[in-house]
């Protein structure tokens, strides 16, 4: 019997290849210490359908509402509750209220801001983006917490 890869012989590899074909696996990797062998099949199996969760009564659970509709509804309800100008995130990233953890926040609730003042940082792709206020006024509410991920156009702050 011919040894072709350390302790793995040709018969073993052929048996593994048969298993890959019979089970329709896309890939099989075997490691033994510092040696690794990967065998790849011809095709990937089709994705398995995801079963719908069933509640106690036996009826399938309704799928969640699309995120866009939920966000639009929450923004509409927030606009009814909040009076003032809403500052939205101009990019996707992480909200930071201060220039560094040991420094005070740029603004707090009740602080007066002028148009052009830096009011937060949004970190995106390892870049710290200083966000300036587009409005003069008083910070009425900060809607996200420090270090929270934010989406594009997500309401961050209310200035009255």
C-alpha atoms as a PDB file:
ATOM      1  CA  UNK A   1       0.000   0.000   0.000  1.00  0.00           C
ATOM      2  CA  UNK A   2       1.438   3.324  -1.054  1.00  0.00           C
ATOM      3  CA  UNK A   3       1.789   6.130   1.509  1.00  0.00           C
ATOM      4  CA  UNK A   4       1.208   9.464  -0.171  1.00  0.00           C
ATOM      5  CA  UNK A   5       0.643  11.881   2.685  1.00  0.00           C
ATOM      6  CA  UNK A   6       2.360  11.155   5.977  1.00  0.00           C
ATOM      7  CA  UNK A   7       0.240   8.412   7.596  1.00  0.00           C
ATOM      8  CA  UNK A   8      -2.670   8.645   5.098  1.00  0.00           C
ATOM      9  CA  UNK A   9      -2.645   6.063   2.292  1.00  0.00           C
ATOM     10  CA  UNK A  10      -4.317   6.209  -1.120  1.00  0.00           C
ATOM     11  CA  UNK A  11      -7.083   3.757  -0.085  1.00  0.00           C
ATOM     12  CA  UNK A  12      -8.078   6.018   2.820  1.00  0.00           C
ATOM     13  CA  UNK A  13      -8.258   9.043   0.545  1.00  0.00           C
ATOM     14  CA  UNK A  14     -10.397   7.116  -1.965  1.00  0.00           C
ATOM     15  CA  UNK A  15     -12.759   6.011   0.830  1.00  0.00           C
ATOM     16  CA  UNK A  16     -13.056   9.620   2.018  1.00  0.00           C
ATOM     17  CA  UNK A  17     -13.756  10.749  -1.559  1.00  0.00           C
ATOM     18  CA  UNK A  18     -16.532   8.129  -1.806  1.00  0.00           C
ATOM     19  CA  UNK A  19     -18.047   9.437   1.430  1.00  0.00           C
ATOM     20  CA  UNK A  20     -17.968  12.993   0.051  1.00  0.00           C
ATOM     21  CA  UNK A  21     -19.755  11.858  -3.131  1.00  0.00           C
ATOM     22  CA  UNK A  22     -22.349   9.676  -1.360  1.00  0.00           C
ATOM     23  CA  UNK A  23     -23.178  12.345   1.237  1.00  0.00           C
ATOM     24  CA  UNK A  24     -22.938  15.149  -1.355  1.00  0.00           C
ATOM     25  CA  UNK A  25     -20.540  17.111   0.849  1.00  0.00           C
ATOM     26  CA  UNK A  26     -18.895  20.204  -0.556  1.00  0.00           C
ATOM     27  CA  UNK A  27     -15.711  19.832   1.484  1.00  0.00           C
ATOM     28  CA  UNK A  28     -14.038  17.613   4.071  1.00  0.00           C
ATOM     29  CA  UNK A  29     -10.973  18.661   6.069  1.00  0.00           C
ATOM     30  CA  UNK A  30      -8.986  16.288   8.250  1.00  0.00           C
ATOM     31  CA  UNK A  31      -6.184  17.394  10.561  1.00  0.00           C
ATOM     32  CA  UNK A  32      -3.631  15.210  12.317  1.00  0.00           C
ATOM     33  CA  UNK A  33      -1.174  17.242  14.347  1.00  0.00           C
ATOM     34  CA  UNK A  34       0.537  19.646  11.975  1.00  0.00           C
ATOM     35  CA  UNK A  35      -0.758  17.861   8.836  1.00  0.00           C
ATOM     36  CA  UNK A  36      -4.034  18.810   7.190  1.00  0.00           C
ATOM     37  CA  UNK A  37      -5.764  17.431   4.110  1.00  0.00           C
ATOM     38  CA  UNK A  38      -8.826  18.931   2.445  1.00  0.00           C
ATOM     39  CA  UNK A  39     -10.961  17.089  -0.084  1.00  0.00           C
ATOM     40  CA  UNK A  40     -13.513  19.019  -2.100  1.00  0.00           C
ATOM     41  CA  UNK A  41     -16.649  17.593  -3.672  1.00  0.00           C
ATOM     42  CA  UNK A  42     -18.187  18.523  -7.021  1.00  0.00           C
ATOM     43  CA  UNK A  43     -21.180  20.464  -5.747  1.00  0.00           C
ATOM     44  CA  UNK A  44     -22.695  21.950  -2.665  1.00  0.00           C
ATOM     45  CA  UNK A  45     -25.960  20.474  -1.446  1.00  0.00           C
ATOM     46  CA  UNK A  46     -28.990  22.747  -1.759  1.00  0.00           C
ATOM     47  CA  UNK A  47     -29.712  24.791   1.359  1.00  0.00           C
ATOM     48  CA  UNK A  48     -32.050  23.151   3.821  1.00  0.00           C
ATOM     49  CA  UNK A  49     -35.415  24.886   4.172  1.00  0.00           C
ATOM     50  CA  UNK A  50     -35.839  26.658   7.501  1.00  0.00           C
ATOM     51  CA  UNK A  51     -38.870  25.299   9.353  1.00  0.00           C
ATOM     52  CA  UNK A  52     -41.409  27.807  10.639  1.00  0.00           C
ATOM     53  CA  UNK A  53     -41.666  27.860  14.448  1.00  0.00           C
ATOM     54  CA  UNK A  54     -44.916  26.433  15.756  1.00  0.00           C
ATOM     55  CA  UNK A  55     -46.723  27.794  18.806  1.00  0.00           C
ATOM     56  CA  UNK A  56     -48.624  25.604  21.278  1.00  0.00           C
ATOM     57  CA  UNK A  57     -51.868  25.784  19.274  1.00  0.00           C
ATOM     58  CA  UNK A  58     -50.153  24.312  16.228  1.00  0.00           C
ATOM     59  CA  UNK A  59     -50.346  27.452  14.065  1.00  0.00           C
ATOM     60  CA  UNK A  60     -47.131  28.732  12.471  1.00  0.00           C
ATOM     61  CA  UNK A  61     -45.704  31.903  13.969  1.00  0.00           C
ATOM     62  CA  UNK A  62     -46.097  34.984  11.771  1.00  0.00           C
ATOM     63  CA  UNK A  63     -42.864  36.220  10.223  1.00  0.00           C
ATOM     64  CA  UNK A  64     -41.459  39.430  11.643  1.00  0.00           C
ATOM     65  CA  UNK A  65     -42.276  42.697   9.895  1.00  0.00           C
ATOM     66  CA  UNK A  66     -39.560  43.926   7.546  1.00  0.00           C
ATOM     67  CA  UNK A  67     -37.007  46.120   9.284  1.00  0.00           C
ATOM     68  CA  UNK A  68     -37.661  49.073   6.962  1.00  0.00           C
ATOM     69  CA  UNK A  69     -41.360  49.175   7.859  1.00  0.00           C
ATOM     70  CA  UNK A  70     -40.555  48.856  11.555  1.00  0.00           C
ATOM     71  CA  UNK A  71     -38.029  51.701  11.386  1.00  0.00           C
ATOM     72  CA  UNK A  72     -40.450  53.913   9.463  1.00  0.00           C
ATOM     73  CA  UNK A  73     -43.183  53.230  12.008  1.00  0.00           C
ATOM     74  CA  UNK A  74     -40.886  53.922  14.956  1.00  0.00           C
ATOM     75  CA  UNK A  75     -39.647  57.163  13.377  1.00  0.00           C
ATOM     76  CA  UNK A  76     -43.238  58.265  12.754  1.00  0.00           C
ATOM     77  CA  UNK A  77     -44.229  57.535  16.343  1.00  0.00           C
ATOM     78  CA  UNK A  78     -41.062  59.238  17.607  1.00  0.00           C
ATOM     79  CA  UNK A  79     -41.816  62.331  15.511  1.00  0.00           C
ATOM     80  CA  UNK A  80     -45.222  62.524  17.215  1.00  0.00           C
ATOM     81  CA  UNK A  81     -43.607  62.258  20.687  1.00  0.00           C
ATOM     82  CA  UNK A  82     -40.599  64.521  20.080  1.00  0.00           C
ATOM     83  CA  UNK A  83     -40.728  68.193  19.312  1.00  0.00           C
ATOM     84  CA  UNK A  84     -37.496  69.571  17.920  1.00  0.00           C
ATOM     85  CA  UNK A  85     -34.971  68.817  15.222  1.00  0.00           C
ATOM     86  CA  UNK A  86     -33.763  65.224  14.943  1.00  0.00           C
ATOM     87  CA  UNK A  87     -30.045  64.691  14.291  1.00  0.00           C
ATOM     88  CA  UNK A  88     -29.601  61.497  12.257  1.00  0.00           C
ATOM     89  CA  UNK A  89     -26.510  59.398  11.668  1.00  0.00           C
ATOM     90  CA  UNK A  90     -24.926  60.304   8.320  1.00  0.00           C
ATOM     91  CA  UNK A  91     -23.160  56.899   8.137  1.00  0.00           C
ATOM     92  CA  UNK A  92     -23.244  53.359   9.477  1.00  0.00           C
ATOM     93  CA  UNK A  93     -20.907  52.892  12.417  1.00  0.00           C
ATOM     94  CA  UNK A  94     -20.515  53.098  16.186  1.00  0.00           C
ATOM     95  CA  UNK A  95     -21.703  56.129  18.185  1.00  0.00           C
ATOM     96  CA  UNK A  96     -19.320  57.723  20.668  1.00  0.00           C
ATOM     97  CA  UNK A  97     -20.375  60.661  22.828  1.00  0.00           C
ATOM     98  CA  UNK A  98     -16.791  61.677  23.732  1.00  0.00           C
ATOM     99  CA  UNK A  99     -13.456  61.989  21.909  1.00  0.00           C
ATOM    100  CA  UNK A 100     -11.992  59.234  24.159  1.00  0.00           C
ATOM    101  CA  UNK A 101     -13.144  57.189  27.151  1.00  0.00           C
ATOM    102  CA  UNK A 102     -11.319  59.429  29.642  1.00  0.00           C
ATOM    103  CA  UNK A 103     -12.687  62.718  28.210  1.00  0.00           C
ATOM    104  CA  UNK A 104     -16.091  64.319  28.911  1.00  0.00           C
ATOM    105  CA  UNK A 105     -18.856  63.926  26.294  1.00  0.00           C
ATOM    106  CA  UNK A 106     -19.144  66.512  23.519  1.00  0.00           C
ATOM    107  CA  UNK A 107     -22.714  67.305  24.633  1.00  0.00           C
ATOM    108  CA  UNK A 108     -25.132  66.221  27.340  1.00  0.00           C
ATOM    109  CA  UNK A 109     -28.883  66.635  27.662  1.00  0.00           C
ATOM    110  CA  UNK A 110     -29.572  70.316  28.383  1.00  0.00           C
ATOM    111  CA  UNK A 111     -26.370  71.637  26.704  1.00  0.00           C
ATOM    112  CA  UNK A 112     -26.642  74.501  24.239  1.00  0.00           C
ATOM    113  CA  UNK A 113     -25.120  73.861  20.796  1.00  0.00           C
ATOM    114  CA  UNK A 114     -24.390  76.083  17.836  1.00  0.00           C
ATOM    115  CA  UNK A 115     -24.459  75.069  14.193  1.00  0.00           C
ATOM    116  CA  UNK A 116     -21.022  73.575  13.384  1.00  0.00           C
ATOM    117  CA  UNK A 117     -20.233  72.375  16.940  1.00  0.00           C
ATOM    118  CA  UNK A 118     -18.960  68.797  17.150  1.00  0.00           C
ATOM    119  CA  UNK A 119     -21.670  66.823  18.950  1.00  0.00           C
ATOM    120  CA  UNK A 120     -20.520  63.188  18.518  1.00  0.00           C
ATOM    121  CA  UNK A 121     -18.163  60.781  16.782  1.00  0.00           C
ATOM    122  CA  UNK A 122     -19.281  57.951  14.520  1.00  0.00           C
ATOM    123  CA  UNK A 123     -16.569  55.335  14.022  1.00  0.00           C
ATOM    124  CA  UNK A 124     -16.823  53.658  10.643  1.00  0.00           C
ATOM    125  CA  UNK A 125     -14.205  51.353   9.132  1.00  0.00           C
ATOM    126  CA  UNK A 126     -11.685  52.302  11.858  1.00  0.00           C
ATOM    127  CA  UNK A 127     -12.072  56.024  11.044  1.00  0.00           C
ATOM    128  CA  UNK A 128     -13.329  58.459  13.684  1.00  0.00           C
ATOM    129  CA  UNK A 129     -15.778  60.861  12.003  1.00  0.00           C
ATOM    130  CA  UNK A 130     -16.613  64.018  13.966  1.00  0.00           C
ATOM    131  CA  UNK A 131     -20.257  64.905  13.407  1.00  0.00           C
ATOM    132  CA  UNK A 132     -21.231  68.559  13.616  1.00  0.00           C
ATOM    133  CA  UNK A 133     -24.594  70.003  14.525  1.00  0.00           C
ATOM    134  CA  UNK A 134     -26.703  71.345  11.678  1.00  0.00           C
ATOM    135  CA  UNK A 135     -28.820  73.328  14.140  1.00  0.00           C
ATOM    136  CA  UNK A 136     -28.584  75.901  16.910  1.00  0.00           C
ATOM    137  CA  UNK A 137     -30.459  74.908  20.047  1.00  0.00           C
ATOM    138  CA  UNK A 138     -30.479  72.883  23.242  1.00  0.00           C
ATOM    139  CA  UNK A 139     -29.889  69.108  23.346  1.00  0.00           C
ATOM    140  CA  UNK A 140     -33.232  67.772  24.486  1.00  0.00           C
ATOM    141  CA  UNK A 141     -32.567  64.051  24.211  1.00  0.00           C
ATOM    142  CA  UNK A 142     -29.799  61.598  23.218  1.00  0.00           C
ATOM    143  CA  UNK A 143     -31.479  58.536  21.733  1.00  0.00           C
ATOM    144  CA  UNK A 144     -28.551  56.076  21.658  1.00  0.00           C
ATOM    145  CA  UNK A 145     -25.997  54.974  24.215  1.00  0.00           C
ATOM    146  CA  UNK A 146     -22.237  55.337  23.997  1.00  0.00           C
ATOM    147  CA  UNK A 147     -20.648  52.532  21.972  1.00  0.00           C
ATOM    148  CA  UNK A 148     -23.920  51.537  20.314  1.00  0.00           C
ATOM    149  CA  UNK A 149     -23.974  50.540  16.637  1.00  0.00           C
ATOM    150  CA  UNK A 150     -25.993  52.946  14.499  1.00  0.00           C
ATOM    151  CA  UNK A 151     -27.430  52.690  11.003  1.00  0.00           C
ATOM    152  CA  UNK A 152     -27.473  55.297   8.246  1.00  0.00           C
ATOM    153  CA  UNK A 153     -30.213  57.882   8.860  1.00  0.00           C
ATOM    154  CA  UNK A 154     -30.941  56.525  12.366  1.00  0.00           C
ATOM    155  CA  UNK A 155     -32.127  59.214  14.808  1.00  0.00           C
ATOM    156  CA  UNK A 156     -29.346  59.927  17.323  1.00  0.00           C
ATOM    157  CA  UNK A 157     -30.231  63.144  19.089  1.00  0.00           C
ATOM    158  CA  UNK A 158     -33.001  65.728  19.427  1.00  0.00           C
ATOM    159  CA  UNK A 159     -32.137  69.446  19.479  1.00  0.00           C
ATOM    160  CA  UNK A 160     -34.876  71.902  20.402  1.00  0.00           C
END
